[in-house]
Full PDB file with SEQRES, HELIX, SHEET, SSBOND, CRYST1, ORIGX, SCALE, CONECT and MASTER records, all heavy atoms in Angstrom:
SEQRES   1 A   39  ILE LEU ASP MET ASN GLN ARG SER ALA ASP VAL ASN SER          
SEQRES   2 A   39  GLY GLY GLU LYS ILE ILE GLY ASN ASN LEU TYR HIS CYS          
SEQRES   3 A   39  HIS PRO PRO ARG ALA ALA GLU ILE LEU ARG SER LEU TYR          
HELIX    1 AA1 GLN A    6  SER A   13  1                                   8    
HELIX    2 AA2 LEU A   23  CYS A   26  5                                   4    
HELIX    3 AA3 PRO A   29  LEU A   38  1                                  10    
CRYST1    1.000    1.000    1.000  90.00  90.00  90.00 P 1           1          
ORIGX1      1.000000  0.000000  0.000000        0.00000                         
ORIGX2      0.000000  1.000000  0.000000        0.00000                         
ORIGX3      0.000000  0.000000  1.000000        0.00000                         
SCALE1      1.000000  0.000000  0.000000        0.00000                         
SCALE2      0.000000  1.000000  0.000000        0.00000                         
SCALE3      0.000000  0.000000  1.000000        0.00000                         
ATOM      1  N   ILE A   1       0.842  -1.186   0.000  1.00  0.00           N  
ATOM      2  CA  ILE A   1       0.000   0.000   0.000  1.00  0.00           C  
ATOM      3  C   ILE A   1       0.880   1.239   0.000  1.00  0.00           C  
ATOM      4  O   ILE A   1       1.696   1.438   0.907  1.00  0.00           O  
ATOM      5  CB  ILE A   1      -0.950   0.000   1.218  1.00  0.00           C  
ATOM      6  CG1 ILE A   1      -1.883  -1.217   1.136  1.00  0.00           C  
ATOM      7  CG2 ILE A   1      -1.744   1.304   1.278  1.00  0.00           C  
ATOM      8  CD1 ILE A   1      -2.722  -1.442   2.378  1.00  0.00           C  
ATOM      9  N   LEU A   2       0.723   2.055  -1.047  1.00  0.00           N  
ATOM     10  CA  LEU A   2       1.503   3.284  -1.184  1.00  0.00           C  
ATOM     11  C   LEU A   2       0.787   4.472  -0.567  1.00  0.00           C  
ATOM     12  O   LEU A   2       1.426   5.386  -0.044  1.00  0.00           O  
ATOM     13  CB  LEU A   2       1.759   3.590  -2.667  1.00  0.00           C  
ATOM     14  CG  LEU A   2       2.546   2.559  -3.449  1.00  0.00           C  
ATOM     15  CD1 LEU A   2       2.615   2.970  -4.918  1.00  0.00           C  
ATOM     16  CD2 LEU A   2       3.932   2.384  -2.865  1.00  0.00           C  
ATOM     17  N   ASP A   3      -0.541   4.474  -0.653  1.00  0.00           N  
ATOM     18  CA  ASP A   3      -1.310   5.595  -0.139  1.00  0.00           C  
ATOM     19  C   ASP A   3      -2.756   5.167   0.043  1.00  0.00           C  
ATOM     20  O   ASP A   3      -3.209   4.193  -0.574  1.00  0.00           O  
ATOM     21  CB  ASP A   3      -1.234   6.777  -1.113  1.00  0.00           C  
ATOM     22  CG  ASP A   3      -1.361   8.125  -0.426  1.00  0.00           C  
ATOM     23  OD1 ASP A   3      -1.749   8.171   0.764  1.00  0.00           O  
ATOM     24  OD2 ASP A   3      -1.083   9.146  -1.078  1.00  0.00           O  
ATOM     25  N   MET A   4      -3.458   5.877   0.900  1.00  0.00           N  
ATOM     26  CA  MET A   4      -4.879   5.631   1.111  1.00  0.00           C  
ATOM     27  C   MET A   4      -5.482   6.890   1.709  1.00  0.00           C  
ATOM     28  O   MET A   4      -4.807   7.617   2.442  1.00  0.00           O  
ATOM     29  CB  MET A   4      -5.101   4.421   2.025  1.00  0.00           C  
ATOM     30  CG  MET A   4      -4.512   4.549   3.396  1.00  0.00           C  
ATOM     31  SD  MET A   4      -4.399   3.034   4.409  1.00  0.00           S  
ATOM     32  CE  MET A   4      -5.800   2.089   4.017  1.00  0.00           C  
ATOM     33  N   ASN A   5      -6.724   7.163   1.356  1.00  0.00           N  
ATOM     34  CA  ASN A   5      -7.374   8.299   1.984  1.00  0.00           C  
ATOM     35  C   ASN A   5      -7.947   7.870   3.335  1.00  0.00           C  
ATOM     36  O   ASN A   5      -7.925   6.684   3.687  1.00  0.00           O  
ATOM     37  CB  ASN A   5      -8.411   8.950   1.064  1.00  0.00           C  
ATOM     38  CG  ASN A   5      -9.646   8.111   0.822  1.00  0.00           C  
ATOM     39  OD1 ASN A   5      -9.713   6.929   1.166  1.00  0.00           O  
ATOM     40  ND2 ASN A   5     -10.641   8.724   0.216  1.00  0.00           N  
ATOM     41  N   GLN A   6      -8.443   8.837   4.096  1.00  0.00           N  
ATOM     42  CA  GLN A   6      -8.917   8.512   5.438  1.00  0.00           C  
ATOM     43  C   GLN A   6     -10.103   7.564   5.405  1.00  0.00           C  
ATOM     44  O   GLN A   6     -10.224   6.693   6.267  1.00  0.00           O  
ATOM     45  CB  GLN A   6      -9.271   9.789   6.220  1.00  0.00           C  
ATOM     46  CG  GLN A   6      -9.570   9.518   7.686  1.00  0.00           C  
ATOM     47  CD  GLN A   6      -8.410   8.842   8.412  1.00  0.00           C  
ATOM     48  OE1 GLN A   6      -7.268   9.292   8.317  1.00  0.00           O  
ATOM     49  NE2 GLN A   6      -8.698   7.760   9.137  1.00  0.00           N  
ATOM     50  N   ARG A   7     -10.986   7.673   4.406  1.00  0.00           N  
ATOM     51  CA  ARG A   7     -12.131   6.756   4.321  1.00  0.00           C  
ATOM     52  C   ARG A   7     -11.653   5.322   4.138  1.00  0.00           C  
ATOM     53  O   ARG A   7     -12.205   4.391   4.723  1.00  0.00           O  
ATOM     54  CB  ARG A   7     -13.079   7.174   3.187  1.00  0.00           C  
ATOM     55  CG  ARG A   7     -14.317   6.336   3.088  1.00  0.00           C  
ATOM     56  CD  ARG A   7     -15.170   6.495   4.331  1.00  0.00           C  
ATOM     57  NE  ARG A   7     -16.338   5.622   4.241  1.00  0.00           N  
ATOM     58  CZ  ARG A   7     -17.017   5.197   5.277  1.00  0.00           C  
ATOM     59  NH1 ARG A   7     -16.689   5.577   6.489  1.00  0.00           N  
ATOM     60  NH2 ARG A   7     -18.037   4.407   5.116  1.00  0.00           N  
ATOM     61  N   SER A   8     -10.626   5.105   3.345  1.00  0.00           N  
ATOM     62  CA  SER A   8     -10.067   3.768   3.171  1.00  0.00           C  
ATOM     63  C   SER A   8      -9.521   3.255   4.497  1.00  0.00           C  
ATOM     64  O   SER A   8      -9.747   2.096   4.868  1.00  0.00           O  
ATOM     65  CB  SER A   8      -8.963   3.777   2.115  1.00  0.00           C  
ATOM     66  OG  SER A   8      -8.362   2.510   2.012  1.00  0.00           O  
ATOM     67  N   ALA A   9      -8.821   4.108   5.231  1.00  0.00           N  
ATOM     68  CA  ALA A   9      -8.291   3.705   6.544  1.00  0.00           C  
ATOM     69  C   ALA A   9      -9.426   3.364   7.502  1.00  0.00           C  
ATOM     70  O   ALA A   9      -9.364   2.373   8.222  1.00  0.00           O  
ATOM     71  CB  ALA A   9      -7.419   4.819   7.116  1.00  0.00           C  
ATOM     72  N   ASP A  10     -10.490   4.168   7.482  1.00  0.00           N  
ATOM     73  CA  ASP A  10     -11.626   3.921   8.372  1.00  0.00           C  
ATOM     74  C   ASP A  10     -12.281   2.580   8.074  1.00  0.00           C  
ATOM     75  O   ASP A  10     -12.598   1.810   8.986  1.00  0.00           O  
ATOM     76  CB  ASP A  10     -12.678   5.032   8.231  1.00  0.00           C  
ATOM     77  CG  ASP A  10     -12.179   6.378   8.742  1.00  0.00           C  
ATOM     78  OD1 ASP A  10     -11.179   6.418   9.492  1.00  0.00           O  
ATOM     79  OD2 ASP A  10     -12.798   7.393   8.366  1.00  0.00           O  
ATOM     80  N   VAL A  11     -12.469   2.286   6.787  1.00  0.00           N  
ATOM     81  CA  VAL A  11     -13.175   1.071   6.373  1.00  0.00           C  
ATOM     82  C   VAL A  11     -12.299  -0.178   6.505  1.00  0.00           C  
ATOM     83  O   VAL A  11     -12.772  -1.237   6.909  1.00  0.00           O  
ATOM     84  CB  VAL A  11     -13.662   1.211   4.908  1.00  0.00           C  
ATOM     85  CG1 VAL A  11     -14.167  -0.099   4.345  1.00  0.00           C  
ATOM     86  CG2 VAL A  11     -14.739   2.278   4.807  1.00  0.00           C  
ATOM     87  N   ASN A  12     -11.018  -0.050   6.175  1.00  0.00           N  
ATOM     88  CA  ASN A  12     -10.157  -1.226   6.056  1.00  0.00           C  
ATOM     89  C   ASN A  12      -9.277  -1.511   7.266  1.00  0.00           C  
ATOM     90  O   ASN A  12      -8.796  -2.634   7.418  1.00  0.00           O  
ATOM     91  CB  ASN A  12      -9.275  -1.101   4.815  1.00  0.00           C  
ATOM     92  CG  ASN A  12     -10.090  -1.116   3.548  1.00  0.00           C  
ATOM     93  OD1 ASN A  12     -10.910  -2.001   3.340  1.00  0.00           O  
ATOM     94  ND2 ASN A  12      -9.879  -0.133   2.691  1.00  0.00           N  
ATOM     95  N   SER A  13      -9.041  -0.515   8.109  1.00  0.00           N  
ATOM     96  CA  SER A  13      -8.083  -0.752   9.191  1.00  0.00           C  
ATOM     97  C   SER A  13      -8.395   0.045  10.452  1.00  0.00           C  
ATOM     98  O   SER A  13      -7.470   0.500  11.138  1.00  0.00           O  
ATOM     99  CB  SER A  13      -6.666  -0.455   8.701  1.00  0.00           C  
ATOM    100  OG  SER A  13      -6.586   0.863   8.185  1.00  0.00           O  
ATOM    101  N   GLY A  14      -9.665   0.214  10.738  1.00  0.00           N  
ATOM    102  CA  GLY A  14     -10.047   0.860  11.984  1.00  0.00           C  
ATOM    103  C   GLY A  14      -9.576   2.287  12.140  1.00  0.00           C  
ATOM    104  O   GLY A  14      -9.375   2.762  13.246  1.00  0.00           O  
ATOM    105  N   GLY A  15      -9.363   2.980  11.020  1.00  0.00           N  
ATOM    106  CA  GLY A  15      -8.955   4.378  11.055  1.00  0.00           C  
ATOM    107  C   GLY A  15      -7.469   4.622  10.932  1.00  0.00           C  
ATOM    108  O   GLY A  15      -7.033   5.743  10.736  1.00  0.00           O  
ATOM    109  N   GLU A  16      -6.672   3.551  11.025  1.00  0.00           N  
ATOM    110  CA  GLU A  16      -5.218   3.689  10.927  1.00  0.00           C  
ATOM    111  C   GLU A  16      -4.780   3.536   9.476  1.00  0.00           C  
ATOM    112  O   GLU A  16      -5.150   2.578   8.796  1.00  0.00           O  
ATOM    113  CB  GLU A  16      -4.537   2.613  11.772  1.00  0.00           C  
ATOM    114  CG  GLU A  16      -3.036   2.644  11.698  1.00  0.00           C  
ATOM    115  CD  GLU A  16      -2.386   1.487  12.436  1.00  0.00           C  
ATOM    116  OE1 GLU A  16      -3.094   0.739  13.140  1.00  0.00           O  
ATOM    117  OE2 GLU A  16      -1.167   1.334  12.290  1.00  0.00           O  
ATOM    118  N   LYS A  17      -3.976   4.463   9.006  1.00  0.00           N  
ATOM    119  CA  LYS A  17      -3.423   4.336   7.659  1.00  0.00           C  
ATOM    120  C   LYS A  17      -2.320   3.294   7.695  1.00  0.00           C  
ATOM    121  O   LYS A  17      -1.333   3.453   8.422  1.00  0.00           O  
ATOM    122  CB  LYS A  17      -2.917   5.683   7.149  1.00  0.00           C  
ATOM    123  CG  LYS A  17      -4.047   6.644   6.871  1.00  0.00           C  
ATOM    124  CD  LYS A  17      -3.587   7.798   6.041  1.00  0.00           C  
ATOM    125  CE  LYS A  17      -4.782   8.667   5.696  1.00  0.00           C  
ATOM    126  NZ  LYS A  17      -4.409   9.754   4.800  1.00  0.00           N  
ATOM    127  N   ILE A  18      -2.508   2.241   6.939  1.00  0.00           N  
ATOM    128  CA  ILE A  18      -1.572   1.110   6.966  1.00  0.00           C  
ATOM    129  C   ILE A  18      -0.657   1.130   5.739  1.00  0.00           C  
ATOM    130  O   ILE A  18      -0.393   0.105   5.123  1.00  0.00           O  
ATOM    131  CB  ILE A  18      -2.337  -0.224   7.100  1.00  0.00           C  
ATOM    132  CG1 ILE A  18      -3.430  -0.357   6.036  1.00  0.00           C  
ATOM    133  CG2 ILE A  18      -2.908  -0.359   8.499  1.00  0.00           C  
ATOM    134  CD1 ILE A  18      -4.094  -1.725   5.984  1.00  0.00           C  
ATOM    135  N   ILE A  19      -0.175   2.313   5.424  1.00  0.00           N  
ATOM    136  CA  ILE A  19       0.745   2.479   4.300  1.00  0.00           C  
ATOM    137  C   ILE A  19       1.985   1.641   4.579  1.00  0.00           C  
ATOM    138  O   ILE A  19       2.534   1.651   5.678  1.00  0.00           O  
ATOM    139  CB  ILE A  19       1.075   3.971   4.095  1.00  0.00           C  
ATOM    140  CG1 ILE A  19      -0.213   4.700   3.667  1.00  0.00           C  
ATOM    141  CG2 ILE A  19       2.194   4.153   3.083  1.00  0.00           C  
ATOM    142  CD1 ILE A  19      -0.118   6.197   3.705  1.00  0.00           C  
ATOM    143  N   GLY A  20       2.400   0.884   3.563  1.00  0.00           N  
ATOM    144  CA  GLY A  20       3.539  -0.016   3.712  1.00  0.00           C  
ATOM    145  C   GLY A  20       3.124  -1.460   3.919  1.00  0.00           C  
ATOM    146  O   GLY A  20       3.895  -2.370   3.648  1.00  0.00           O  
ATOM    147  N   ASN A  21       1.902  -1.682   4.402  1.00  0.00           N  
ATOM    148  CA  ASN A  21       1.410  -3.057   4.546  1.00  0.00           C  
ATOM    149  C   ASN A  21       1.112  -3.648   3.177  1.00  0.00           C  
ATOM    150  O   ASN A  21       0.975  -2.936   2.192  1.00  0.00           O  
ATOM    151  CB  ASN A  21       0.144  -3.088   5.405  1.00  0.00           C  
ATOM    152  CG  ASN A  21       0.440  -2.877   6.873  1.00  0.00           C  
ATOM    153  OD1 ASN A  21       1.476  -2.359   7.245  1.00  0.00           O  
ATOM    154  ND2 ASN A  21      -0.497  -3.263   7.714  1.00  0.00           N  
ATOM    155  N   ASN A  22       0.990  -4.957   3.133  1.00  0.00           N  
ATOM    156  CA  ASN A  22       0.767  -5.647   1.874  1.00  0.00           C  
ATOM    157  C   ASN A  22      -0.683  -6.111   1.752  1.00  0.00           C  
ATOM    158  O   ASN A  22      -1.251  -6.656   2.702  1.00  0.00           O  
ATOM    159  CB  ASN A  22       1.715  -6.843   1.760  1.00  0.00           C  
ATOM    160  CG  ASN A  22       1.753  -7.386   0.364  1.00  0.00           C  
ATOM    161  OD1 ASN A  22       0.862  -8.109  -0.055  1.00  0.00           O  
ATOM    162  ND2 ASN A  22       2.784  -7.020  -0.376  1.00  0.00           N  
ATOM    163  N   LEU A  23      -1.262  -5.909   0.575  1.00  0.00           N  
ATOM    164  CA  LEU A  23      -2.653  -6.300   0.320  1.00  0.00           C  
ATOM    165  C   LEU A  23      -2.880  -7.790   0.498  1.00  0.00           C  
ATOM    166  O   LEU A  23      -3.964  -8.212   0.910  1.00  0.00           O  
ATOM    167  CB  LEU A  23      -3.063  -5.913  -1.108  1.00  0.00           C  
ATOM    168  CG  LEU A  23      -3.141  -4.432  -1.431  1.00  0.00           C  
ATOM    169  CD1 LEU A  23      -3.439  -4.239  -2.911  1.00  0.00           C  
ATOM    170  CD2 LEU A  23      -4.192  -3.747  -0.576  1.00  0.00           C  
ATOM    171  N   TYR A  24      -1.880  -8.588   0.196  1.00  0.00           N  
ATOM    172  CA  TYR A  24      -2.044 -10.040   0.283  1.00  0.00           C  
ATOM    173  C   TYR A  24      -2.222 -10.512   1.728  1.00  0.00           C  
ATOM    174  O   TYR A  24      -2.785 -11.564   1.966  1.00  0.00           O  
ATOM    175  CB  TYR A  24      -0.871 -10.762  -0.371  1.00  0.00           C  
ATOM    176  CG  TYR A  24      -0.785 -10.491  -1.859  1.00  0.00           C  
ATOM    177  CD1 TYR A  24       0.311  -9.841  -2.398  1.00  0.00           C  
ATOM    178  CD2 TYR A  24      -1.802 -10.867  -2.722  1.00  0.00           C  
ATOM    179  CE1 TYR A  24       0.396  -9.586  -3.763  1.00  0.00           C  
ATOM    180  CE2 TYR A  24      -1.736 -10.609  -4.075  1.00  0.00           C  
ATOM    181  CZ  TYR A  24      -0.632  -9.972  -4.588  1.00  0.00           C  
ATOM    182  OH  TYR A  24      -0.571  -9.715  -5.936  1.00  0.00           O  
ATOM    183  N   HIS A  25      -1.761  -9.713   2.677  1.00  0.00           N  
ATOM    184  CA  HIS A  25      -1.888 -10.094   4.087  1.00  0.00           C  
ATOM    185  C   HIS A  25      -3.273  -9.804   4.653  1.00  0.00           C  
ATOM    186  O   HIS A  25      -3.604 -10.286   5.728  1.00  0.00           O  
ATOM    187  CB  HIS A  25      -0.828  -9.384   4.939  1.00  0.00           C  
ATOM    188  CG  HIS A  25       0.563  -9.746   4.540  1.00  0.00           C  
ATOM    189  ND1 HIS A  25       1.606  -8.873   4.634  1.00  0.00           N  
ATOM    190  CD2 HIS A  25       1.079 -10.888   4.024  1.00  0.00           C  
ATOM    191  CE1 HIS A  25       2.718  -9.453   4.203  1.00  0.00           C  
ATOM    192  NE2 HIS A  25       2.418 -10.678   3.827  1.00  0.00           N  
ATOM    193  N   CYS A  26      -4.056  -8.999   3.945  1.00  0.00           N  
ATOM    194  CA  CYS A  26      -5.383  -8.640   4.471  1.00  0.00           C  
ATOM    195  C   CYS A  26      -6.517  -9.108   3.553  1.00  0.00           C  
ATOM    196  O   CYS A  26      -7.635  -8.616   3.661  1.00  0.00           O  
ATOM    197  CB  CYS A  26      -5.471  -7.141   4.739  1.00  0.00           C  
ATOM    198  SG  CYS A  26      -5.060  -6.085   3.350  1.00  0.00           S  
ATOM    199  N   HIS A  27      -6.228 -10.035   2.661  1.00  0.00           N  
ATOM    200  CA  HIS A  27      -7.253 -10.605   1.784  1.00  0.00           C  
ATOM    201  C   HIS A  27      -7.237 -12.131   1.892  1.00  0.00           C  
ATOM    202  O   HIS A  27      -6.159 -12.725   2.016  1.00  0.00           O  
ATOM    203  CB  HIS A  27      -7.015 -10.207   0.317  1.00  0.00           C  
ATOM    204  CG  HIS A  27      -7.398  -8.797   0.014  1.00  0.00           C  
ATOM    205  ND1 HIS A  27      -6.571  -7.732   0.281  1.00  0.00           N  
ATOM    206  CD2 HIS A  27      -8.521  -8.271  -0.528  1.00  0.00           C  
ATOM    207  CE1 HIS A  27      -7.164  -6.617  -0.090  1.00  0.00           C  
ATOM    208  NE2 HIS A  27      -8.359  -6.919  -0.579  1.00  0.00           N  
ATOM    209  N   PRO A  28      -8.408 -12.755   1.814  1.00  0.00           N  
ATOM    210  CA  PRO A  28      -8.448 -14.217   1.810  1.00  0.00           C  
ATOM    211  C   PRO A  28      -7.819 -14.765   0.522  1.00  0.00           C  
ATOM    212  O   PRO A  28      -7.645 -14.022  -0.455  1.00  0.00           O  
ATOM    213  CB  PRO A  28      -9.939 -14.542   1.906  1.00  0.00           C  
ATOM    214  CG  PRO A  28     -10.645 -13.321   1.464  1.00  0.00           C  
ATOM    215  CD  PRO A  28      -9.737 -12.154   1.749  1.00  0.00           C  
ATOM    216  N   PRO A  29      -7.485 -16.051   0.487  1.00  0.00           N  
ATOM    217  CA  PRO A  29      -6.791 -16.631  -0.663  1.00  0.00           C  
ATOM    218  C   PRO A  29      -7.471 -16.370  -2.019  1.00  0.00           C  
ATOM    219  O   PRO A  29      -6.792 -16.040  -2.992  1.00  0.00           O  
ATOM    220  CB  PRO A  29      -6.754 -18.123  -0.348  1.00  0.00           C  
ATOM    221  CG  PRO A  29      -6.780 -18.184   1.135  1.00  0.00           C  
ATOM    222  CD  PRO A  29      -7.649 -17.026   1.575  1.00  0.00           C  
ATOM    223  N   ARG A  30      -8.789 -16.500  -2.083  1.00  0.00           N  
ATOM    224  CA  ARG A  30      -9.480 -16.287  -3.366  1.00  0.00           C  
ATOM    225  C   ARG A  30      -9.289 -14.848  -3.853  1.00  0.00           C  
ATOM    226  O   ARG A  30      -8.989 -14.605  -5.024  1.00  0.00           O  
ATOM    227  CB  ARG A  30     -10.963 -16.603  -3.234  1.00  0.00           C  
ATOM    228  CG  ARG A  30     -11.725 -16.405  -4.532  1.00  0.00           C  
ATOM    229  CD  ARG A  30     -13.219 -16.749  -4.381  1.00  0.00           C  
ATOM    230  NE  ARG A  30     -13.966 -16.409  -5.558  1.00  0.00           N  
ATOM    231  CZ  ARG A  30     -14.421 -15.188  -5.845  1.00  0.00           C  
ATOM    232  NH1 ARG A  30     -14.213 -14.187  -5.023  1.00  0.00           N  
ATOM    233  NH2 ARG A  30     -15.096 -14.968  -6.945  1.00  0.00           N  
ATOM    234  N   ALA A  31      -9.449 -13.881  -2.973  1.00  0.00           N  
ATOM    235  CA  ALA A  31      -9.276 -12.475  -3.339  1.00  0.00           C  
ATOM    236  C   ALA A  31      -7.818 -12.188  -3.708  1.00  0.00           C  
ATOM    237  O   ALA A  31      -7.543 -11.430  -4.645  1.00  0.00           O  
ATOM    238  CB  ALA A  31      -9.727 -11.574  -2.200  1.00  0.00           C  
ATOM    239  N   ALA A  32      -6.881 -12.784  -2.995  1.00  0.00           N  
ATOM    240  CA  ALA A  32      -5.463 -12.594  -3.299  1.00  0.00           C  
ATOM    241  C   ALA A  32      -5.133 -13.127  -4.695  1.00  0.00           C  
ATOM    242  O   ALA A  32      -4.349 -12.519  -5.429  1.00  0.00           O  
ATOM    243  CB  ALA A  32      -4.596 -13.279  -2.244  1.00  0.00           C  
ATOM    244  N   GLU A  33      -5.749 -14.235  -5.065  1.00  0.00           N  
ATOM    245  CA  GLU A  33      -5.526 -14.795  -6.401  1.00  0.00           C  
ATOM    246  C   GLU A  33      -6.075 -13.860  -7.481  1.00  0.00           C  
ATOM    247  O   GLU A  33      -5.451 -13.680  -8.530  1.00  0.00           O  
ATOM    248  CB  GLU A  33      -6.161 -16.186  -6.508  1.00  0.00           C  
ATOM    249  CG  GLU A  33      -5.706 -16.966  -7.713  1.00  0.00           C  
ATOM    250  CD  GLU A  33      -4.191 -17.116  -7.799  1.00  0.00           C  
ATOM    251  OE1 GLU A  33      -3.542 -17.352  -6.761  1.00  0.00           O  
ATOM    252  OE2 GLU A  33      -3.641 -16.975  -8.917  1.00  0.00           O  
ATOM    253  N   ILE A  34      -7.216 -13.259  -7.223  1.00  0.00           N  
ATOM    254  CA  ILE A  34      -7.768 -12.284  -8.171  1.00  0.00           C  
ATOM    255  C   ILE A  34      -6.825 -11.098  -8.304  1.00  0.00           C  
ATOM    256  O   ILE A  34      -6.542 -10.638  -9.425  1.00  0.00           O  
ATOM    257  CB  ILE A  34      -9.178 -11.826  -7.733  1.00  0.00           C  
ATOM    258  CG1 ILE A  34     -10.169 -12.982  -7.867  1.00  0.00           C  
ATOM    259  CG2 ILE A  34      -9.641 -10.619  -8.553  1.00  0.00           C  
ATOM    260  CD1 ILE A  34     -11.521 -12.738  -7.224  1.00  0.00           C  
ATOM    261  N   LEU A  35      -6.302 -10.610  -7.194  1.00  0.00           N  
ATOM    262  CA  LEU A  35      -5.344  -9.501  -7.244  1.00  0.00           C  
ATOM    263  C   LEU A  35      -4.112  -9.869  -8.063  1.00  0.00           C  
ATOM    264  O   LEU A  35      -3.656  -9.078  -8.896  1.00  0.00           O  
ATOM    265  CB  LEU A  35      -4.920  -9.092  -5.830  1.00  0.00           C  
ATOM    266  CG  LEU A  35      -5.955  -8.343  -5.001  1.00  0.00           C  
ATOM    267  CD1 LEU A  35      -5.471  -8.199  -3.560  1.00  0.00           C  
ATOM    268  CD2 LEU A  35      -6.254  -6.985  -5.605  1.00  0.00           C  
ATOM    269  N   ARG A  36      -3.582 -11.066  -7.851  1.00  0.00           N  
ATOM    270  CA  ARG A  36      -2.405 -11.508  -8.627  1.00  0.00           C  
ATOM    271  C   ARG A  36      -2.703 -11.482 -10.127  1.00  0.00           C  
ATOM    272  O   ARG A  36      -1.868 -11.062 -10.931  1.00  0.00           O  
ATOM    273  CB  ARG A  36      -1.970 -12.900  -8.201  1.00  0.00           C  
ATOM    274  CG  ARG A  36      -1.217 -12.933  -6.900  1.00  0.00           C  
ATOM    275  CD  ARG A  36      -0.711 -14.346  -6.559  1.00  0.00           C  
ATOM    276  NE  ARG A  36      -0.089 -14.359  -5.257  1.00  0.00           N  
ATOM    277  CZ  ARG A  36      -0.749 -14.486  -4.101  1.00  0.00           C  
ATOM    278  NH1 ARG A  36      -2.053 -14.636  -4.090  1.00  0.00           N  
ATOM    279  NH2 ARG A  36      -0.096 -14.467  -2.952  1.00  0.00           N  
ATOM    280  N   SER A  37      -3.899 -11.911 -10.498  1.00  0.00           N  
ATOM    281  CA  SER A  37      -4.301 -11.910 -11.905  1.00  0.00           C  
ATOM    282  C   SER A  37      -4.415 -10.482 -12.449  1.00  0.00           C  
ATOM    283  O   SER A  37      -4.018 -10.213 -13.587  1.00  0.00           O  
ATOM    284  CB  SER A  37      -5.636 -12.644 -12.069  1.00  0.00           C  
ATOM    285  OG  SER A  37      -6.085 -12.562 -13.390  1.00  0.00           O  
ATOM    286  N   LEU A  38      -4.938  -9.576 -11.643  1.00  0.00           N  
ATOM    287  CA  LEU A  38      -5.044  -8.182 -12.084  1.00  0.00           C  
ATOM    288  C   LEU A  38      -3.674  -7.588 -12.343  1.00  0.00           C  
ATOM    289  O   LEU A  38      -3.456  -6.903 -13.347  1.00  0.00           O  
ATOM    290  CB  LEU A  38      -5.786  -7.348 -11.037  1.00  0.00           C  
ATOM    291  CG  LEU A  38      -7.236  -7.717 -10.748  1.00  0.00           C  
ATOM    292  CD1 LEU A  38      -7.804  -6.827  -9.661  1.00  0.00           C  
ATOM    293  CD2 LEU A  38      -8.084  -7.642 -12.003  1.00  0.00           C  
ATOM    294  N   TYR A  39      -2.739  -7.852 -11.428  1.00  0.00           N  
ATOM    295  CA  TYR A  39      -1.366  -7.357 -11.616  1.00  0.00           C  
ATOM    296  C   TYR A  39      -0.716  -7.994 -12.845  1.00  0.00           C  
ATOM    297  O   TYR A  39      -0.110  -7.306 -13.656  1.00  0.00           O  
ATOM    298  CB  TYR A  39      -0.506  -7.659 -10.385  1.00  0.00           C  
ATOM    299  CG  TYR A  39      -0.777  -6.781  -9.192  1.00  0.00           C  
ATOM    300  CD1 TYR A  39      -1.354  -7.313  -8.042  1.00  0.00           C  
ATOM    301  CD2 TYR A  39      -0.442  -5.433  -9.197  1.00  0.00           C  
ATOM    302  CE1 TYR A  39      -1.585  -6.518  -6.926  1.00  0.00           C  
ATOM    303  CE2 TYR A  39      -0.676  -4.633  -8.089  1.00  0.00           C  
ATOM    304  CZ  TYR A  39      -1.250  -5.187  -6.966  1.00  0.00           C  
ATOM    305  OH  TYR A  39      -1.483  -4.395  -5.871  1.00  0.00           O  
TER     306      TYR A  39                                                      
MASTER        0    0    0    3    0    0    0    6  305    1    0    3          
END                                                                             
């Protein structure tokens, strides 16, 4: 994660901006596979 607005932080991480974290760590396997395909 390079950047996120405050609404993203509120919805995805309890209000904390988790810049630097990895999307694969916060998605279930099926969603992570979809992300890999998009990339």
